[in-house]
Amino acid sequence: MNNYHGYSPNGNYIPHHQYPTYQQPISHQHYRQPEETKNINLTFEERDFYQDLGHGMELIGWNRPKQTVGTNPRFLTATLQGRRDATAINAGWSIGHYRPAYAIESYNNIVRNRSDQWIITIYNASNIEREVVFYLITKRKIGREFSED
């Protein structure tokens, strides 16, 4: 017996007491045309900064060449590539100017059997072009030497 009165076994429900609304995950690619998205690939070899965080953890970042998201296209999808012998743990981004921008999706690319990649799609809600900096946190796989290549 479930004593929570707002519970629904269907998965899509609006609970009581201002809890967040659960929605089934959907691909946001469905809601935009291909010409609305700029796609970029950033590899480990192209990194601009690198920091060994210890115990096989690494911080990798890209800020050159300047990655921009503008008004046309408003979406920027970045594929962040770590080392092949590492797993992408998390990623992030920073955008110029204090105007609205949103991460539409952010996930490890394990779906395509590429656990060393992270994909982020950013939506620029403003009417100006803005520069974006990306970073990736990875964990080297056990049994590998932990040294910068």
C-alpha atoms as a PDB file:
ATOM      1  CA  MET A   1       0.000   0.000   0.000  1.00  0.00           C
ATOM      2  CA  ASN A   2       1.257   3.452  -0.890  1.00  0.00           C
ATOM      3  CA  ASN A   3       0.245   6.149   1.582  1.00  0.00           C
ATOM      4  CA  TYR A   4       1.276   8.976  -0.705  1.00  0.00           C
ATOM      5  CA  HIS A   5      -2.040  10.202  -2.132  1.00  0.00           C
ATOM      6  CA  GLY A   6      -0.512  11.996  -5.119  1.00  0.00           C
ATOM      7  CA  TYR A   7       1.227   8.854  -6.400  1.00  0.00           C
ATOM      8  CA  SER A   8       0.361   7.463  -9.801  1.00  0.00           C
ATOM      9  CA  PRO A   9       1.894   4.225 -11.104  1.00  0.00           C
ATOM     10  CA  ASN A  10       1.683   5.598 -14.674  1.00  0.00           C
ATOM     11  CA  GLY A  11       4.884   7.642 -14.298  1.00  0.00           C
ATOM     12  CA  ASN A  12       3.489  10.993 -15.504  1.00  0.00           C
ATOM     13  CA  TYR A  13       1.958  12.700 -12.538  1.00  0.00           C
ATOM     14  CA  ILE A  14       1.744  16.039 -10.814  1.00  0.00           C
ATOM     15  CA  PRO A  15       2.449  15.429  -7.128  1.00  0.00           C
ATOM     16  CA  HIS A  16       1.207  17.552  -4.266  1.00  0.00           C
ATOM     17  CA  HIS A  17       3.147  20.047  -2.188  1.00  0.00           C
ATOM     18  CA  GLN A  18       5.045  21.734  -5.034  1.00  0.00           C
ATOM     19  CA  TYR A  19       7.208  18.723  -5.908  1.00  0.00           C
ATOM     20  CA  PRO A  20       8.562  18.754  -9.469  1.00  0.00           C
ATOM     21  CA  THR A  21       6.495  17.314 -12.279  1.00  0.00           C
ATOM     22  CA  TYR A  22       7.869  14.106 -13.772  1.00  0.00           C
ATOM     23  CA  GLN A  23       7.905  13.789 -17.552  1.00  0.00           C
ATOM     24  CA  GLN A  24       9.102  10.964 -19.742  1.00  0.00           C
ATOM     25  CA  PRO A  25      12.497  11.759 -21.332  1.00  0.00           C
ATOM     26  CA  ILE A  26      12.158  12.657 -25.000  1.00  0.00           C
ATOM     27  CA  SER A  27      14.639  13.583 -27.683  1.00  0.00           C
ATOM     28  CA  HIS A  28      14.632  17.344 -28.150  1.00  0.00           C
ATOM     29  CA  GLN A  29      16.030  16.855 -31.664  1.00  0.00           C
ATOM     30  CA  HIS A  30      12.435  16.073 -32.653  1.00  0.00           C
ATOM     31  CA  TYR A  31      11.375  19.709 -32.086  1.00  0.00           C
ATOM     32  CA  ARG A  32      13.951  21.463 -34.277  1.00  0.00           C
ATOM     33  CA  GLN A  33      15.003  21.395 -37.896  1.00  0.00           C
ATOM     34  CA  PRO A  34      18.601  20.392 -38.835  1.00  0.00           C
ATOM     35  CA  GLU A  35      19.359  23.910 -40.121  1.00  0.00           C
ATOM     36  CA  GLU A  36      18.556  25.319 -36.654  1.00  0.00           C
ATOM     37  CA  THR A  37      21.517  23.481 -35.064  1.00  0.00           C
ATOM     38  CA  LYS A  38      25.261  24.096 -35.292  1.00  0.00           C
ATOM     39  CA  ASN A  39      27.237  20.907 -34.524  1.00  0.00           C
ATOM     40  CA  ILE A  40      30.830  20.948 -33.285  1.00  0.00           C
ATOM     41  CA  ASN A  41      33.275  18.234 -32.187  1.00  0.00           C
ATOM     42  CA  LEU A  42      35.925  19.076 -29.590  1.00  0.00           C
ATOM     43  CA  THR A  43      38.652  16.456 -29.131  1.00  0.00           C
ATOM     44  CA  PHE A  44      41.141  15.807 -26.350  1.00  0.00           C
ATOM     45  CA  GLU A  45      43.974  16.790 -28.694  1.00  0.00           C
ATOM     46  CA  GLU A  46      42.356  20.220 -29.306  1.00  0.00           C
ATOM     47  CA  ARG A  47      41.995  21.027 -25.589  1.00  0.00           C
ATOM     48  CA  ASP A  48      42.984  24.446 -24.293  1.00  0.00           C
ATOM     49  CA  PHE A  49      43.405  23.491 -20.678  1.00  0.00           C
ATOM     50  CA  TYR A  50      43.991  20.291 -18.774  1.00  0.00           C
ATOM     51  CA  GLN A  51      44.180  19.504 -15.067  1.00  0.00           C
ATOM     52  CA  ASP A  52      44.976  16.180 -13.420  1.00  0.00           C
ATOM     53  CA  LEU A  53      42.550  15.991 -10.500  1.00  0.00           C
ATOM     54  CA  GLY A  54      44.163  12.873  -9.035  1.00  0.00           C
ATOM     55  CA  HIS A  55      43.099   9.212  -8.838  1.00  0.00           C
ATOM     56  CA  GLY A  56      42.589   9.074 -12.607  1.00  0.00           C
ATOM     57  CA  MET A  57      40.198  12.061 -12.706  1.00  0.00           C
ATOM     58  CA  GLU A  58      40.853  14.779 -15.296  1.00  0.00           C
ATOM     59  CA  LEU A  59      39.453  18.204 -16.161  1.00  0.00           C
ATOM     60  CA  ILE A  60      39.608  19.063 -19.864  1.00  0.00           C
ATOM     61  CA  GLY A  61      38.479  22.379 -21.331  1.00  0.00           C
ATOM     62  CA  TRP A  62      38.032  24.141 -24.659  1.00  0.00           C
ATOM     63  CA  ASN A  63      37.800  27.884 -25.261  1.00  0.00           C
ATOM     64  CA  ARG A  64      39.650  28.334 -28.574  1.00  0.00           C
ATOM     65  CA  PRO A  65      38.736  28.697 -31.295  1.00  0.00           C
ATOM     66  CA  LYS A  66      35.835  30.637 -29.894  1.00  0.00           C
ATOM     67  CA  GLN A  67      32.685  28.530 -30.023  1.00  0.00           C
ATOM     68  CA  THR A  68      29.634  30.671 -30.596  1.00  0.00           C
ATOM     69  CA  VAL A  69      25.904  30.225 -30.565  1.00  0.00           C
ATOM     70  CA  GLY A  70      23.886  32.941 -32.251  1.00  0.00           C
ATOM     71  CA  THR A  71      20.409  33.796 -33.386  1.00  0.00           C
ATOM     72  CA  ASN A  72      20.632  31.640 -36.503  1.00  0.00           C
ATOM     73  CA  PRO A  73      21.162  28.876 -35.588  1.00  0.00           C
ATOM     74  CA  ARG A  74      20.026  29.225 -31.971  1.00  0.00           C
ATOM     75  CA  PHE A  75      21.075  25.665 -31.012  1.00  0.00           C
ATOM     76  CA  LEU A  76      24.690  24.564 -30.532  1.00  0.00           C
ATOM     77  CA  THR A  77      25.379  20.840 -30.081  1.00  0.00           C
ATOM     78  CA  ALA A  78      28.884  20.095 -28.832  1.00  0.00           C
ATOM     79  CA  THR A  79      30.392  16.616 -28.712  1.00  0.00           C
ATOM     80  CA  LEU A  80      33.156  16.699 -26.096  1.00  0.00           C
ATOM     81  CA  GLN A  81      35.728  13.954 -26.638  1.00  0.00           C
ATOM     82  CA  GLY A  82      37.965  12.796 -23.792  1.00  0.00           C
ATOM     83  CA  ARG A  83      40.715  10.206 -24.014  1.00  0.00           C
ATOM     84  CA  ARG A  84      39.690   6.855 -25.502  1.00  0.00           C
ATOM     85  CA  ASP A  85      40.815   5.100 -22.296  1.00  0.00           C
ATOM     86  CA  ALA A  86      38.609   7.278 -20.074  1.00  0.00           C
ATOM     87  CA  THR A  87      34.922   7.563 -19.228  1.00  0.00           C
ATOM     88  CA  ALA A  88      33.169  10.925 -19.384  1.00  0.00           C
ATOM     89  CA  ILE A  89      31.719  11.567 -15.924  1.00  0.00           C
ATOM     90  CA  ASN A  90      30.241  15.049 -16.322  1.00  0.00           C
ATOM     91  CA  ALA A  91      30.500  18.172 -18.444  1.00  0.00           C
ATOM     92  CA  GLY A  92      29.590  21.816 -18.272  1.00  0.00           C
ATOM     93  CA  TRP A  93      29.577  25.079 -20.120  1.00  0.00           C
ATOM     94  CA  SER A  94      29.804  28.806 -19.577  1.00  0.00           C
ATOM     95  CA  ILE A  95      28.335  31.404 -21.897  1.00  0.00           C
ATOM     96  CA  GLY A  96      29.076  35.100 -22.345  1.00  0.00           C
ATOM     97  CA  HIS A  97      26.669  37.948 -21.521  1.00  0.00           C
ATOM     98  CA  TYR A  98      23.996  37.807 -18.843  1.00  0.00           C
ATOM     99  CA  ARG A  99      21.071  36.803 -20.995  1.00  0.00           C
ATOM    100  CA  PRO A 100      18.968  33.632 -21.127  1.00  0.00           C
ATOM    101  CA  ALA A 101      20.527  30.411 -22.428  1.00  0.00           C
ATOM    102  CA  TYR A 102      19.556  26.848 -21.610  1.00  0.00           C
ATOM    103  CA  ALA A 103      21.113  23.398 -21.791  1.00  0.00           C
ATOM    104  CA  ILE A 104      18.482  21.455 -23.690  1.00  0.00           C
ATOM    105  CA  GLU A 105      20.280  18.134 -23.257  1.00  0.00           C
ATOM    106  CA  SER A 106      23.478  16.972 -21.561  1.00  0.00           C
ATOM    107  CA  TYR A 107      24.428  13.291 -21.486  1.00  0.00           C
ATOM    108  CA  ASN A 108      27.150  10.651 -21.834  1.00  0.00           C
ATOM    109  CA  ASN A 109      27.216   9.202 -25.343  1.00  0.00           C
ATOM    110  CA  ILE A 110      27.122   5.606 -24.066  1.00  0.00           C
ATOM    111  CA  VAL A 111      24.077   5.065 -26.286  1.00  0.00           C
ATOM    112  CA  ARG A 112      26.461   4.975 -29.269  1.00  0.00           C
ATOM    113  CA  ASN A 113      29.017   2.961 -27.268  1.00  0.00           C
ATOM    114  CA  ARG A 114      31.210   6.038 -26.792  1.00  0.00           C
ATOM    115  CA  SER A 115      31.497   6.429 -23.025  1.00  0.00           C
ATOM    116  CA  ASP A 116      34.470   8.775 -23.612  1.00  0.00           C
ATOM    117  CA  GLN A 117      32.149  11.431 -25.107  1.00  0.00           C
ATOM    118  CA  TRP A 118      29.678  13.882 -23.593  1.00  0.00           C
ATOM    119  CA  ILE A 119      27.055  15.713 -25.648  1.00  0.00           C
ATOM    120  CA  ILE A 120      25.595  19.099 -24.697  1.00  0.00           C
ATOM    121  CA  THR A 121      23.015  21.082 -26.664  1.00  0.00           C
ATOM    122  CA  ILE A 122      22.645  24.753 -25.772  1.00  0.00           C
ATOM    123  CA  TYR A 123      19.749  26.999 -26.768  1.00  0.00           C
ATOM    124  CA  ASN A 124      20.491  30.723 -27.035  1.00  0.00           C
ATOM    125  CA  ALA A 125      17.279  32.528 -26.078  1.00  0.00           C
ATOM    126  CA  SER A 126      18.766  35.987 -26.654  1.00  0.00           C
ATOM    127  CA  ASN A 127      19.071  37.978 -29.873  1.00  0.00           C
ATOM    128  CA  ILE A 128      22.894  38.241 -29.851  1.00  0.00           C
ATOM    129  CA  GLU A 129      25.743  35.885 -30.721  1.00  0.00           C
ATOM    130  CA  ARG A 130      27.541  34.567 -27.613  1.00  0.00           C
ATOM    131  CA  GLU A 131      30.801  32.754 -26.908  1.00  0.00           C
ATOM    132  CA  VAL A 132      30.708  29.399 -25.128  1.00  0.00           C
ATOM    133  CA  VAL A 133      33.427  27.609 -23.123  1.00  0.00           C
ATOM    134  CA  PHE A 134      33.104  23.859 -22.498  1.00  0.00           C
ATOM    135  CA  TYR A 135      34.683  21.561 -19.930  1.00  0.00           C
ATOM    136  CA  LEU A 136      34.661  17.788 -19.472  1.00  0.00           C
ATOM    137  CA  ILE A 137      35.440  15.684 -16.401  1.00  0.00           C
ATOM    138  CA  THR A 138      36.707  12.172 -17.123  1.00  0.00           C
ATOM    139  CA  LYS A 139      37.910   9.151 -15.156  1.00  0.00           C
ATOM    140  CA  ARG A 140      40.710   7.052 -16.610  1.00  0.00           C
ATOM    141  CA  LYS A 141      39.954   3.346 -16.684  1.00  0.00           C
ATOM    142  CA  ILE A 142      41.642   1.116 -14.104  1.00  0.00           C
ATOM    143  CA  GLY A 143      44.840  -0.548 -15.238  1.00  0.00           C
ATOM    144  CA  ARG A 144      46.026   2.454 -17.243  1.00  0.00           C
ATOM    145  CA  GLU A 145      48.915   4.718 -16.326  1.00  0.00           C
ATOM    146  CA  PHE A 146      47.750   8.102 -15.085  1.00  0.00           C
ATOM    147  CA  SER A 147      49.980  10.441 -17.045  1.00  0.00           C
ATOM    148  CA  GLU A 148      49.246  13.244 -19.451  1.00  0.00           C
ATOM    149  CA  ASP A 149      49.762  12.213 -23.090  1.00  0.00           C
END
